[in-house]
Amino acid sequence: MKREVVGSMSEWSGVLKDLFRQIDDGSIGLGHIQALLERRDPFAAESFQGLVTEWEGFYQDTFGIKADFSNLRIPEKQPGFNRLIIMAEGMTPQRLYDKCGEFFACWKWTGDSLDNVVAYSERTSKNGAYAVWVRDRVEADEEFKKLSADEIKAKNINTETLEERFIHELKYFRETRAHLDLRNITLCAGSRDSDGVVPSVDWLYDKLEVYWYDPDFTDDSLRPRQVVS
């Protein structure tokens, strides 16, 4: 079936001329073109430039990292998911846990480095920065209480990794001097150890706690945090 070309050659010529002009003056960059080819909004980052700039300042102040997220792919925002989380390149579980420890008390259910314990995360910033959206709430998602990590996976629910939960905590604390999960527990179903055991994070007895649960375990207080990626 032959496709019709929308617009005349002269119209296309004018559009392409303007496109190349904007590429030449820097108004449009490689990231914009790549996003367009992938059928994404090429100007999503500009739409949330205030949030992106805020995250650049956070990494500068908290980690001493001069980050540039101007060309970062920002996922399409969905209703109810109002908190943007940006993971800078090189954010590992142990690095983030240690950084949390510089601001408040922390405890983890292992004497080993979390970089050795966490064998898998659905998303990592090992090879570059990325962004996700989460619900902006103190307690983990009540909609998914009593769902095990196995059930979450079977339902294809995209949820926070351990690394994302740590950076979520750090950013929230720097903004409010308060903490997440005061009454419940985030099941970081997006991460696993080598045996498939699932990490969790909560705030208990005035400290951040990292614990582990079998992938089929359920409890009213154990909930994932859904993400849009």
Protein backbone atom coordinates (compact mmCIF):
# COMPACT_ATOMS: atom_id res chain seq x y z
CA MET A 1 0.00 0.00 0.00
CA LYS A 2 1.49 3.32 -1.07
CA ARG A 3 1.75 5.99 1.60
CA GLU A 4 0.90 9.57 0.80
CA VAL A 5 3.51 12.23 1.55
CA VAL A 6 1.93 14.98 3.65
CA GLY A 7 2.95 18.40 2.38
CA SER A 8 4.52 19.56 -0.85
CA MET A 9 8.22 19.43 -1.62
CA SER A 10 8.45 23.20 -1.16
CA GLU A 11 6.84 22.89 2.27
CA TRP A 12 9.24 20.11 3.23
CA SER A 13 12.15 22.18 1.96
CA GLY A 14 11.14 25.08 4.20
CA VAL A 15 10.70 22.86 7.25
CA LEU A 16 14.05 21.13 6.73
CA LYS A 17 15.78 24.46 6.19
CA ASP A 18 14.42 25.70 9.52
CA LEU A 19 15.38 22.42 11.20
CA PHE A 20 18.99 22.67 10.05
CA ARG A 21 19.09 26.32 11.10
CA GLN A 22 18.04 25.37 14.64
CA ILE A 23 20.56 22.52 14.71
CA ASP A 24 23.24 24.95 13.61
CA ASP A 25 22.41 27.54 16.30
CA GLY A 26 22.08 24.88 19.00
CA SER A 27 18.33 25.25 19.58
CA ILE A 28 17.92 21.58 18.64
CA GLY A 29 20.48 19.01 19.69
CA LEU A 30 21.21 15.36 19.04
CA GLY A 31 19.05 14.34 22.00
CA HIS A 32 16.03 16.07 20.46
CA ILE A 33 16.51 14.28 17.13
CA GLN A 34 17.03 10.91 18.83
CA ALA A 35 13.85 11.37 20.87
CA LEU A 36 11.90 12.26 17.73
CA LEU A 37 13.15 9.14 15.94
CA GLU A 38 12.05 7.08 18.95
CA ARG A 39 8.62 8.76 18.82
CA ARG A 40 9.15 10.46 22.17
CA ASP A 41 8.55 14.08 23.10
CA PRO A 42 11.85 15.73 22.11
CA PHE A 43 11.23 18.65 24.45
CA ALA A 44 10.15 16.74 27.56
CA ALA A 45 13.24 17.81 29.48
CA GLU A 46 12.51 21.47 28.68
CA SER A 47 8.91 20.97 29.89
CA PHE A 48 10.27 20.03 33.31
CA GLN A 49 13.38 22.19 33.22
CA GLY A 50 12.77 23.50 36.72
CA LEU A 51 12.77 19.97 38.15
CA VAL A 52 15.79 18.98 36.08
CA THR A 53 17.74 22.02 37.28
CA GLU A 54 16.72 21.23 40.85
CA TRP A 55 18.17 17.73 40.52
CA GLU A 56 21.41 19.12 39.08
CA GLY A 57 21.68 21.33 42.18
CA PHE A 58 20.92 18.38 44.44
CA TYR A 59 23.77 16.30 43.03
CA GLN A 60 26.14 19.26 43.24
CA ASP A 61 25.26 19.97 46.88
CA THR A 62 24.94 16.35 48.05
CA PHE A 63 27.60 14.49 46.06
CA GLY A 64 29.80 17.25 44.67
CA ILE A 65 28.85 16.10 41.16
CA LYS A 66 28.47 18.66 38.39
CA ALA A 67 25.68 16.92 36.51
CA ASP A 68 24.13 18.00 33.21
CA PHE A 69 20.69 16.49 32.61
CA SER A 70 19.66 18.90 29.84
CA ASN A 71 19.49 16.12 27.24
CA LEU A 72 18.20 13.43 29.57
CA ARG A 73 15.16 11.45 28.42
CA ILE A 74 12.27 12.27 30.77
CA PRO A 75 9.51 9.62 30.68
CA GLU A 76 6.02 10.73 29.76
CA LYS A 77 4.32 11.92 32.94
CA GLN A 78 1.20 10.04 34.01
CA PRO A 79 -1.61 11.24 36.32
CA GLY A 80 -0.73 10.82 39.98
CA PHE A 81 3.00 10.43 39.38
CA ASN A 82 4.23 13.87 40.37
CA ARG A 83 7.71 13.31 41.79
CA LEU A 84 10.57 13.09 39.34
CA ILE A 85 13.57 10.99 40.37
CA ILE A 86 16.81 11.35 38.43
CA MET A 87 19.58 8.83 38.92
CA ALA A 88 22.98 10.28 38.05
CA GLU A 89 25.52 7.98 36.45
CA GLY A 90 27.41 5.78 38.89
CA MET A 91 24.85 5.67 41.72
CA THR A 92 25.35 2.22 43.28
CA PRO A 93 23.48 0.75 46.29
CA GLN A 94 26.40 1.02 48.71
CA ARG A 95 27.38 4.51 47.57
CA LEU A 96 23.83 5.70 48.16
CA TYR A 97 23.55 3.91 51.51
CA ASP A 98 26.81 5.52 52.64
CA LYS A 99 25.58 8.94 51.54
CA CYS A 100 22.38 8.45 53.53
CA GLY A 101 24.59 7.66 56.52
CA GLU A 102 26.21 11.09 56.25
CA PHE A 103 22.83 12.72 57.00
CA PHE A 104 21.04 10.28 59.33
CA ALA A 105 21.43 6.95 61.10
CA CYS A 106 21.26 3.83 58.89
CA TRP A 107 21.21 0.08 59.48
CA LYS A 108 21.37 -2.80 57.01
CA TRP A 109 20.82 -6.53 57.43
CA THR A 110 24.25 -7.49 56.15
CA GLY A 111 27.85 -6.73 56.91
CA ASP A 112 28.75 -6.97 53.23
CA SER A 113 28.74 -4.14 50.73
CA LEU A 114 25.33 -3.70 49.13
CA ASP A 115 27.14 -3.52 45.79
CA ASN A 116 28.04 -7.19 46.33
CA VAL A 117 24.68 -8.20 47.78
CA VAL A 118 22.39 -6.65 45.16
CA ALA A 119 22.88 -8.91 42.16
CA TYR A 120 20.15 -7.38 39.97
CA SER A 121 18.15 -4.18 39.61
CA GLU A 122 15.67 -3.57 36.80
CA ARG A 123 17.31 -0.20 36.14
CA THR A 124 20.81 0.99 37.01
CA SER A 125 22.80 4.13 36.28
CA LYS A 126 25.99 2.16 35.70
CA ASN A 127 26.20 3.30 32.09
CA GLY A 128 24.39 6.60 32.30
CA ALA A 129 21.79 8.74 34.04
CA TYR A 130 18.07 8.06 33.76
CA ALA A 131 14.78 9.36 35.16
CA VAL A 132 11.56 7.87 36.53
CA TRP A 133 8.34 9.27 37.97
CA VAL A 134 6.87 8.11 41.31
CA ARG A 135 3.88 9.10 43.42
CA ASP A 136 4.72 11.97 45.76
CA ARG A 137 3.68 10.39 49.06
CA VAL A 138 5.31 9.51 52.37
CA GLU A 139 4.07 5.94 52.62
CA ALA A 140 4.60 3.26 49.98
CA ASP A 141 1.69 2.52 47.65
CA GLU A 142 -1.31 1.21 49.57
CA GLU A 143 -2.81 0.08 46.25
CA PHE A 144 -0.34 -2.81 46.24
CA LYS A 145 -0.29 -3.86 49.89
CA LYS A 146 -0.10 -7.61 50.51
CA LEU A 147 1.39 -8.22 47.07
CA SER A 148 4.55 -10.31 47.11
CA ALA A 149 7.49 -9.51 44.85
CA ASP A 150 6.59 -12.59 42.82
CA GLU A 151 3.05 -11.30 42.32
CA ILE A 152 4.33 -7.84 41.42
CA LYS A 153 6.54 -9.37 38.76
CA ALA A 154 3.69 -11.54 37.42
CA LYS A 155 1.48 -8.45 37.12
CA ASN A 156 4.28 -6.52 35.32
CA ILE A 157 4.13 -3.66 37.83
CA ASN A 158 7.16 -1.41 37.42
CA THR A 159 8.49 -0.56 40.90
CA GLU A 160 11.32 1.25 42.66
CA THR A 161 14.70 -0.41 42.89
CA LEU A 162 16.79 -0.22 46.05
CA GLU A 163 18.95 2.49 44.47
CA GLU A 164 15.89 4.56 43.55
CA ARG A 165 14.45 4.20 47.05
CA PHE A 166 17.72 5.49 48.55
CA ILE A 167 17.89 8.54 46.28
CA HIS A 168 14.16 9.16 46.89
CA GLU A 169 14.87 9.21 50.64
CA LEU A 170 17.87 11.50 50.28
CA LYS A 171 16.07 14.02 48.07
CA TYR A 172 12.99 14.03 50.29
CA PHE A 173 15.11 14.50 53.41
CA ARG A 174 17.09 17.37 51.88
CA GLU A 175 13.79 19.07 50.98
CA THR A 176 11.84 18.49 54.20
CA ARG A 177 14.21 17.16 56.91
CA ALA A 178 11.64 14.36 57.25
CA HIS A 179 11.61 10.71 56.17
CA LEU A 180 9.57 8.24 54.11
CA ASP A 181 7.78 5.09 55.29
CA LEU A 182 7.17 6.04 58.91
CA ARG A 183 4.43 3.42 59.29
CA ASN A 184 4.98 1.03 56.39
CA ILE A 185 7.81 -0.53 54.39
CA THR A 186 8.85 -0.06 50.77
CA LEU A 187 9.40 -3.44 49.15
CA CYS A 188 12.08 -2.70 46.55
CA ALA A 189 10.73 -5.31 44.18
CA GLY A 190 12.83 -3.95 41.33
CA SER A 191 15.98 -5.37 42.98
CA ARG A 192 17.15 -8.85 44.06
CA ASP A 193 20.12 -10.52 45.69
CA SER A 194 21.79 -13.57 44.15
CA ASP A 195 19.20 -15.88 45.75
CA GLY A 196 16.23 -13.82 44.56
CA VAL A 197 15.61 -12.27 47.99
CA VAL A 198 14.10 -8.78 47.87
CA PRO A 199 15.42 -5.70 49.75
CA SER A 200 13.17 -3.32 51.64
CA VAL A 201 13.58 0.14 53.18
CA ASP A 202 11.72 1.92 55.99
CA TRP A 203 12.25 4.46 58.79
CA LEU A 204 12.09 2.74 62.20
CA TYR A 205 13.42 3.72 65.63
CA ASP A 206 14.97 6.92 64.25
CA LYS A 207 17.02 5.26 61.56
CA LEU A 208 16.82 4.07 57.98
CA GLU A 209 16.57 0.30 57.89
CA VAL A 210 17.41 -2.01 54.99
CA TYR A 211 16.00 -5.50 55.35
CA TRP A 212 15.33 -8.51 53.10
CA TYR A 213 12.22 -10.61 52.35
CA ASP A 214 11.58 -13.80 50.45
CA PRO A 215 9.98 -13.04 47.06
CA ASP A 216 6.73 -14.82 48.02
CA PHE A 217 6.32 -13.07 51.41
CA THR A 218 3.36 -10.72 51.96
CA ASP A 219 2.25 -8.37 54.73
CA ASP A 220 -0.16 -5.43 55.09
CA SER A 221 2.69 -3.02 55.79
CA LEU A 222 4.92 -4.24 52.96
CA ARG A 223 4.22 -2.33 49.72
CA PRO A 224 6.14 -1.45 46.54
CA ARG A 225 6.38 2.02 45.04
CA GLN A 226 5.24 2.03 41.43
CA VAL A 227 7.33 3.98 38.90
CA VAL A 228 6.84 5.30 35.38
CA SER A 229 10.01 4.78 33.36
